[in-house]
């Protein structure tokens, strides 16, 4: 049986993981990239193999946004600092509810020391320092975005120690 750190390092070496993580970081800035008006009617739904699927509230907006597709791809790739986004697939959303205005206030929220300590313990099995730091940032970012401490987050998914 391989150590967990080795398994994670092997998984991380697949470029798809790096690209998905980078895409998630970029799409976390969706409201800033597209502006508040578009963020109210369109949202990223998925990303795979260079294709971004965007869910749009109605066909009028979808048509308008299709005309701006090249500009949107250019903006996304500028933020990503690489040609990560190659295509957009537009889908009409069913039951689309306008999201609350997207803010990044959660990014500026300090992470409690207990969260930092728990996350550091979790990633301590990863030998590569750069990889360990990337997973640490990812873990803390996910917890902050959910607004839940680690224990409550696990309880929501039915996992208990």
Protein backbone atom coordinates (compact mmCIF):
# COMPACT_ATOMS: atom_id res chain seq x y z
CA UNK A 1 0.00 0.00 0.00
CA UNK A 2 1.36 3.42 -0.98
CA UNK A 3 1.52 6.29 1.52
CA UNK A 4 -1.21 8.90 1.13
CA UNK A 5 1.33 11.61 0.32
CA UNK A 6 2.64 9.59 -2.62
CA UNK A 7 -0.87 8.92 -3.92
CA UNK A 8 -1.77 12.62 -3.72
CA UNK A 9 1.51 13.60 -5.40
CA UNK A 10 0.79 11.15 -8.23
CA UNK A 11 -2.76 12.45 -8.61
CA UNK A 12 -1.56 16.03 -8.60
CA UNK A 13 0.94 15.30 -11.36
CA UNK A 14 -1.92 14.83 -13.84
CA UNK A 15 -2.29 18.18 -15.59
CA UNK A 16 -6.09 17.92 -15.49
CA UNK A 17 -6.10 18.48 -11.73
CA UNK A 18 -3.95 21.59 -12.02
CA UNK A 19 -6.15 22.98 -14.78
CA UNK A 20 -9.37 22.29 -12.86
CA UNK A 21 -7.97 23.95 -9.74
CA UNK A 22 -6.84 26.98 -11.73
CA UNK A 23 -10.24 27.15 -13.48
CA UNK A 24 -12.00 27.04 -10.09
CA UNK A 25 -9.80 29.89 -8.84
CA UNK A 26 -10.62 31.98 -11.91
CA UNK A 27 -14.34 31.18 -11.82
CA UNK A 28 -14.39 32.20 -8.16
CA UNK A 29 -13.94 35.72 -9.54
CA UNK A 30 -16.88 35.37 -11.96
CA UNK A 31 -18.73 38.48 -10.77
CA UNK A 32 -15.63 40.64 -11.14
CA UNK A 33 -14.83 39.23 -14.58
CA UNK A 34 -18.29 39.58 -16.15
CA UNK A 35 -19.73 42.41 -14.06
CA UNK A 36 -22.79 42.43 -11.80
CA UNK A 37 -25.42 42.54 -14.57
CA UNK A 38 -24.15 39.38 -16.28
CA UNK A 39 -23.44 37.67 -12.96
CA UNK A 40 -27.15 38.02 -12.15
CA UNK A 41 -28.21 36.12 -15.27
CA UNK A 42 -25.36 33.73 -16.05
CA UNK A 43 -23.15 31.51 -13.97
CA UNK A 44 -20.45 28.93 -14.59
CA UNK A 45 -21.78 25.41 -14.21
CA UNK A 46 -18.84 23.15 -15.08
CA UNK A 47 -15.40 23.07 -16.65
CA UNK A 48 -13.81 20.13 -18.42
CA UNK A 49 -11.10 19.73 -21.05
CA UNK A 50 -11.01 23.41 -21.92
CA UNK A 51 -14.78 23.77 -22.21
CA UNK A 52 -16.68 26.01 -19.82
CA UNK A 53 -20.40 25.36 -19.47
CA UNK A 54 -22.31 28.51 -18.61
CA UNK A 55 -25.89 28.42 -17.39
CA UNK A 56 -27.98 31.40 -18.55
CA UNK A 57 -31.35 32.50 -17.18
CA UNK A 58 -33.12 33.10 -20.49
CA UNK A 59 -32.65 32.85 -24.25
CA UNK A 60 -32.42 36.62 -24.74
CA UNK A 61 -29.39 36.82 -22.47
CA UNK A 62 -27.95 33.67 -23.98
CA UNK A 63 -28.08 35.20 -27.45
CA UNK A 64 -26.48 38.42 -26.20
CA UNK A 65 -23.71 36.57 -24.39
CA UNK A 66 -22.97 34.33 -27.38
CA UNK A 67 -22.02 37.48 -29.31
CA UNK A 68 -19.53 38.30 -26.54
CA UNK A 69 -18.06 34.78 -26.31
CA UNK A 70 -14.61 35.65 -27.71
CA UNK A 71 -14.26 38.61 -25.37
CA UNK A 72 -15.31 36.49 -22.40
CA UNK A 73 -12.82 33.74 -23.28
CA UNK A 74 -10.11 36.37 -23.62
CA UNK A 75 -10.94 37.88 -20.19
CA UNK A 76 -11.05 34.46 -18.50
CA UNK A 77 -7.69 33.46 -19.99
CA UNK A 78 -6.16 36.80 -18.98
CA UNK A 79 -7.20 36.19 -15.38
CA UNK A 80 -5.96 32.58 -15.60
CA UNK A 81 -2.69 33.82 -17.14
CA UNK A 82 -2.82 30.90 -19.57
CA UNK A 83 -5.03 29.62 -22.40
CA UNK A 84 -7.14 27.50 -20.09
CA UNK A 85 -10.60 28.26 -21.46
CA UNK A 86 -10.98 27.20 -25.10
CA UNK A 87 -14.72 26.89 -25.68
CA UNK A 88 -17.98 27.91 -24.05
CA UNK A 89 -21.10 25.78 -24.12
CA UNK A 90 -24.20 27.78 -23.29
CA UNK A 91 -27.14 26.10 -21.58
CA UNK A 92 -30.51 27.51 -20.72
CA UNK A 93 -31.14 27.12 -17.03
CA UNK A 94 -34.33 25.71 -15.63
CA UNK A 95 -35.55 27.37 -12.47
CA UNK A 96 -32.67 29.83 -12.52
CA UNK A 97 -32.80 32.04 -9.46
CA UNK A 98 -30.67 35.15 -9.56
CA UNK A 99 -27.80 34.66 -7.16
CA UNK A 100 -27.02 37.18 -4.51
CA UNK A 101 -24.48 39.68 -5.79
CA UNK A 102 -21.14 37.94 -5.82
CA UNK A 103 -18.64 39.40 -3.45
CA UNK A 104 -15.32 38.11 -2.36
CA UNK A 105 -15.81 39.12 1.28
CA UNK A 106 -15.25 35.52 2.32
CA UNK A 107 -11.74 35.70 0.79
CA UNK A 108 -10.80 38.50 3.18
CA UNK A 109 -12.18 36.73 6.22
CA UNK A 110 -9.36 35.63 8.51
CA UNK A 111 -9.05 31.89 8.91
CA UNK A 112 -9.35 30.77 12.53
CA UNK A 113 -6.16 29.28 13.96
CA UNK A 114 -7.98 26.00 14.67
CA UNK A 115 -8.85 25.65 10.95
CA UNK A 116 -5.25 26.40 9.97
CA UNK A 117 -3.92 23.80 12.42
CA UNK A 118 -6.38 21.14 11.24
CA UNK A 119 -5.62 21.79 7.58
CA UNK A 120 -1.86 21.71 8.27
CA UNK A 121 -2.23 18.31 9.96
CA UNK A 122 -4.22 17.00 6.99
CA UNK A 123 -1.64 18.03 4.40
CA UNK A 124 1.44 17.18 6.48
CA UNK A 125 1.65 13.77 4.75
CA UNK A 126 2.48 15.47 1.44
CA UNK A 127 6.25 15.54 1.07
CA UNK A 128 6.55 18.10 -1.74
CA UNK A 129 6.43 21.57 -0.10
CA UNK A 130 4.90 23.32 -3.14
CA UNK A 131 2.21 20.68 -3.49
CA UNK A 132 1.55 20.69 0.27
CA UNK A 133 1.12 24.49 0.19
CA UNK A 134 -1.26 24.28 -2.80
CA UNK A 135 -3.46 21.71 -1.04
CA UNK A 136 -3.37 23.75 2.16
CA UNK A 137 -4.58 26.86 0.28
CA UNK A 138 -7.26 24.82 -1.48
CA UNK A 139 -8.52 23.28 1.77
CA UNK A 140 -8.70 26.60 3.60
CA UNK A 141 -10.32 28.34 0.63
CA UNK A 142 -13.04 25.70 0.40
CA UNK A 143 -13.76 25.95 4.13
CA UNK A 144 -13.87 29.74 3.97
CA UNK A 145 -16.16 29.75 0.95
CA UNK A 146 -18.57 27.37 2.70
CA UNK A 147 -18.33 29.49 5.85
CA UNK A 148 -18.12 26.36 7.95
CA UNK A 149 -15.49 25.11 10.31
CA UNK A 150 -14.06 21.68 9.39
CA UNK A 151 -16.15 19.65 11.86
CA UNK A 152 -19.47 21.22 10.77
CA UNK A 153 -18.53 20.74 7.12
CA UNK A 154 -18.03 16.99 7.66
CA UNK A 155 -21.25 16.70 9.61
CA UNK A 156 -23.23 18.15 6.71
CA UNK A 157 -22.04 15.33 4.49
CA UNK A 158 -22.83 12.65 7.04
CA UNK A 159 -19.21 11.90 7.93
CA UNK A 160 -18.37 11.68 11.57
CA UNK A 161 -15.15 10.71 13.30
